[in-house]
Amino acid sequence: MPYFEIGIYNPRNNENIGTLWRSAWQLGAAGIFTIGRPY
């Protein structure tokens, strides 16, 4: 199984983080990360 993570640049709100988390789980990602200002 390949190793990958999913990230987002400058998230605008908590809903974006929730969508990222859900998508990562469904795709089998090893983790998530954010770049830029805190949400």
PDB file of N, CA and C in Angstrom:
ATOM      1  N   MET A   1       0.848  -1.184   0.000  1.00  0.00           N
ATOM      2  CA  MET A   1       0.000   0.000   0.000  1.00  0.00           C
ATOM      3  C   MET A   1       0.893   1.246   0.000  1.00  0.00           C
ATOM      4  N   PRO A   2       0.658   2.190  -0.913  1.00  0.00           N
ATOM      5  CA  PRO A   2       1.483   3.396  -0.971  1.00  0.00           C
ATOM      6  C   PRO A   2       1.234   4.319   0.220  1.00  0.00           C
ATOM      7  N   TYR A   3       2.264   5.088   0.549  1.00  0.00           N
ATOM      8  CA  TYR A   3       2.184   6.060   1.636  1.00  0.00           C
ATOM      9  C   TYR A   3       1.972   7.439   1.028  1.00  0.00           C
ATOM     10  N   PHE A   4       0.918   8.140   1.475  1.00  0.00           N
ATOM     11  CA  PHE A   4       0.702   9.508   1.017  1.00  0.00           C
ATOM     12  C   PHE A   4      -0.070  10.286   2.071  1.00  0.00           C
ATOM     13  N   GLU A   5       0.079  11.585   2.017  1.00  0.00           N
ATOM     14  CA  GLU A   5      -0.657  12.497   2.886  1.00  0.00           C
ATOM     15  C   GLU A   5      -1.362  13.523   2.016  1.00  0.00           C
ATOM     16  N   ILE A   6      -2.387  14.151   2.567  1.00  0.00           N
ATOM     17  CA  ILE A   6      -3.155  15.165   1.851  1.00  0.00           C
ATOM     18  C   ILE A   6      -3.049  16.469   2.631  1.00  0.00           C
ATOM     19  N   GLY A   7      -2.811  17.575   1.918  1.00  0.00           N
ATOM     20  CA  GLY A   7      -2.665  18.863   2.573  1.00  0.00           C
ATOM     21  C   GLY A   7      -3.555  19.926   1.970  1.00  0.00           C
ATOM     22  N   ILE A   8      -3.628  21.040   2.685  1.00  0.00           N
ATOM     23  CA  ILE A   8      -4.418  22.185   2.227  1.00  0.00           C
ATOM     24  C   ILE A   8      -3.615  23.454   2.519  1.00  0.00           C
ATOM     25  N   TYR A   9      -3.682  24.414   1.610  1.00  0.00           N
ATOM     26  CA  TYR A   9      -2.959  25.672   1.732  1.00  0.00           C
ATOM     27  C   TYR A   9      -3.914  26.780   2.166  1.00  0.00           C
ATOM     28  N   ASN A  10      -3.594  27.461   3.244  1.00  0.00           N
ATOM     29  CA  ASN A  10      -4.396  28.556   3.798  1.00  0.00           C
ATOM     30  C   ASN A  10      -5.876  28.203   3.960  1.00  0.00           C
ATOM     31  N   PRO A  11      -6.194  27.251   4.818  1.00  0.00           N
ATOM     32  CA  PRO A  11      -7.606  26.915   5.032  1.00  0.00           C
ATOM     33  C   PRO A  11      -8.371  28.120   5.574  1.00  0.00           C
ATOM     34  N   ARG A  12      -9.592  28.312   5.116  1.00  0.00           N
ATOM     35  CA  ARG A  12     -10.371  29.479   5.520  1.00  0.00           C
ATOM     36  C   ARG A  12     -11.243  29.231   6.746  1.00  0.00           C
ATOM     37  N   ASN A  13     -11.645  27.975   6.974  1.00  0.00           N
ATOM     38  CA  ASN A  13     -12.510  27.704   8.123  1.00  0.00           C
ATOM     39  C   ASN A  13     -12.402  26.240   8.540  1.00  0.00           C
ATOM     40  N   ASN A  14     -13.042  25.906   9.641  1.00  0.00           N
ATOM     41  CA  ASN A  14     -12.992  24.540  10.172  1.00  0.00           C
ATOM     42  C   ASN A  14     -13.641  23.529   9.239  1.00  0.00           C
ATOM     43  N   GLU A  15     -14.638  23.948   8.462  1.00  0.00           N
ATOM     44  CA  GLU A  15     -15.296  23.027   7.543  1.00  0.00           C
ATOM     45  C   GLU A  15     -14.319  22.506   6.492  1.00  0.00           C
ATOM     46  N   ASN A  16     -13.395  23.354   6.057  1.00  0.00           N
ATOM     47  CA  ASN A  16     -12.386  22.907   5.088  1.00  0.00           C
ATOM     48  C   ASN A  16     -11.507  21.815   5.683  1.00  0.00           C
ATOM     49  N   ILE A  17     -11.155  21.952   6.951  1.00  0.00           N
ATOM     50  CA  ILE A  17     -10.332  20.943   7.614  1.00  0.00           C
ATOM     51  C   ILE A  17     -11.122  19.644   7.756  1.00  0.00           C
ATOM     52  N   GLY A  18     -12.397  19.733   8.080  1.00  0.00           N
ATOM     53  CA  GLY A  18     -13.242  18.544   8.198  1.00  0.00           C
ATOM     54  C   GLY A  18     -13.362  17.802   6.882  1.00  0.00           C
ATOM     55  N   THR A  19     -13.512  18.547   5.793  1.00  0.00           N
ATOM     56  CA  THR A  19     -13.589  17.930   4.469  1.00  0.00           C
ATOM     57  C   THR A  19     -12.269  17.260   4.118  1.00  0.00           C
ATOM     58  N   LEU A  20     -11.164  17.927   4.433  1.00  0.00           N
ATOM     59  CA  LEU A  20      -9.843  17.349   4.194  1.00  0.00           C
ATOM     60  C   LEU A  20      -9.670  16.052   4.977  1.00  0.00           C
ATOM     61  N   TRP A  21     -10.049  16.057   6.241  1.00  0.00           N
ATOM     62  CA  TRP A  21      -9.926  14.882   7.105  1.00  0.00           C
ATOM     63  C   TRP A  21     -10.762  13.716   6.560  1.00  0.00           C
ATOM     64  N   ARG A  22     -12.000  14.003   6.197  1.00  0.00           N
ATOM     65  CA  ARG A  22     -12.893  12.964   5.670  1.00  0.00           C
ATOM     66  C   ARG A  22     -12.359  12.390   4.352  1.00  0.00           C
ATOM     67  N   SER A  23     -11.896  13.252   3.465  1.00  0.00           N
ATOM     68  CA  SER A  23     -11.353  12.789   2.185  1.00  0.00           C
ATOM     69  C   SER A  23     -10.106  11.936   2.393  1.00  0.00           C
ATOM     70  N   ALA A  24      -9.241  12.361   3.301  1.00  0.00           N
ATOM     71  CA  ALA A  24      -8.026  11.595   3.585  1.00  0.00           C
ATOM     72  C   ALA A  24      -8.368  10.216   4.114  1.00  0.00           C
ATOM     73  N   TRP A  25      -9.339  10.136   4.996  1.00  0.00           N
ATOM     74  CA  TRP A  25      -9.747   8.842   5.558  1.00  0.00           C
ATOM     75  C   TRP A  25     -10.303   7.934   4.466  1.00  0.00           C
ATOM     76  N   GLN A  26     -11.158   8.480   3.602  1.00  0.00           N
ATOM     77  CA  GLN A  26     -11.777   7.677   2.545  1.00  0.00           C
ATOM     78  C   GLN A  26     -10.756   7.169   1.528  1.00  0.00           C
ATOM     79  N   LEU A  27      -9.714   7.945   1.289  1.00  0.00           N
ATOM     80  CA  LEU A  27      -8.696   7.555   0.316  1.00  0.00           C
ATOM     81  C   LEU A  27      -7.568   6.734   0.934  1.00  0.00           C
ATOM     82  N   GLY A  28      -7.564   6.586   2.256  1.00  0.00           N
ATOM     83  CA  GLY A  28      -6.543   5.796   2.930  1.00  0.00           C
ATOM     84  C   GLY A  28      -5.231   6.527   3.144  1.00  0.00           C
ATOM     85  N   ALA A  29      -5.275   7.852   3.245  1.00  0.00           N
ATOM     86  CA  ALA A  29      -4.063   8.639   3.447  1.00  0.00           C
ATOM     87  C   ALA A  29      -3.456   8.365   4.822  1.00  0.00           C
ATOM     88  N   ALA A  30      -2.140   8.523   4.905  1.00  0.00           N
ATOM     89  CA  ALA A  30      -1.432   8.322   6.165  1.00  0.00           C
ATOM     90  C   ALA A  30      -1.631   9.510   7.107  1.00  0.00           C
ATOM     91  N   GLY A  31      -1.969  10.679   6.564  1.00  0.00           N
ATOM     92  CA  GLY A  31      -2.158  11.849   7.407  1.00  0.00           C
ATOM     93  C   GLY A  31      -2.609  13.052   6.607  1.00  0.00           C
ATOM     94  N   ILE A  32      -2.845  14.143   7.334  1.00  0.00           N
ATOM     95  CA  ILE A  32      -3.210  15.409   6.707  1.00  0.00           C
ATOM     96  C   ILE A  32      -2.297  16.500   7.257  1.00  0.00           C
ATOM     97  N   PHE A  33      -2.199  17.613   6.532  1.00  0.00           N
ATOM     98  CA  PHE A  33      -1.414  18.748   7.003  1.00  0.00           C
ATOM     99  C   PHE A  33      -1.980  20.039   6.432  1.00  0.00           C
ATOM    100  N   THR A  34      -1.665  21.151   7.093  1.00  0.00           N
ATOM    101  CA  THR A  34      -2.060  22.470   6.613  1.00  0.00           C
ATOM    102  C   THR A  34      -0.809  23.313   6.427  1.00  0.00           C
ATOM    103  N   ILE A  35      -0.862  24.228   5.474  1.00  0.00           N
ATOM    104  CA  ILE A  35       0.224  25.164   5.214  1.00  0.00           C
ATOM    105  C   ILE A  35      -0.376  26.559   5.250  1.00  0.00           C
ATOM    106  N   GLY A  36       0.301  27.474   5.933  1.00  0.00           N
ATOM    107  CA  GLY A  36      -0.174  28.842   5.976  1.00  0.00           C
ATOM    108  C   GLY A  36      -0.792  29.197   7.305  1.00  0.00           C
ATOM    109  N   ARG A  37      -1.636  30.195   7.285  1.00  0.00           N
ATOM    110  CA  ARG A  37      -2.220  30.713   8.519  1.00  0.00           C
ATOM    111  C   ARG A  37      -3.082  29.664   9.210  1.00  0.00           C
ATOM    112  N   PRO A  38      -3.178  29.753  10.536  1.00  0.00           N
ATOM    113  CA  PRO A  38      -4.039  28.810  11.256  1.00  0.00           C
ATOM    114  C   PRO A  38      -5.506  29.054  10.933  1.00  0.00           C
ATOM    115  N   TYR A  39      -6.299  28.018  10.959  1.00  0.00           N
ATOM    116  CA  TYR A  39      -7.720  28.137  10.644  1.00  0.00           C
ATOM    117  C   TYR A  39      -8.517  28.593  11.828  1.00  0.00           C
TER     118      TYR A  39
END
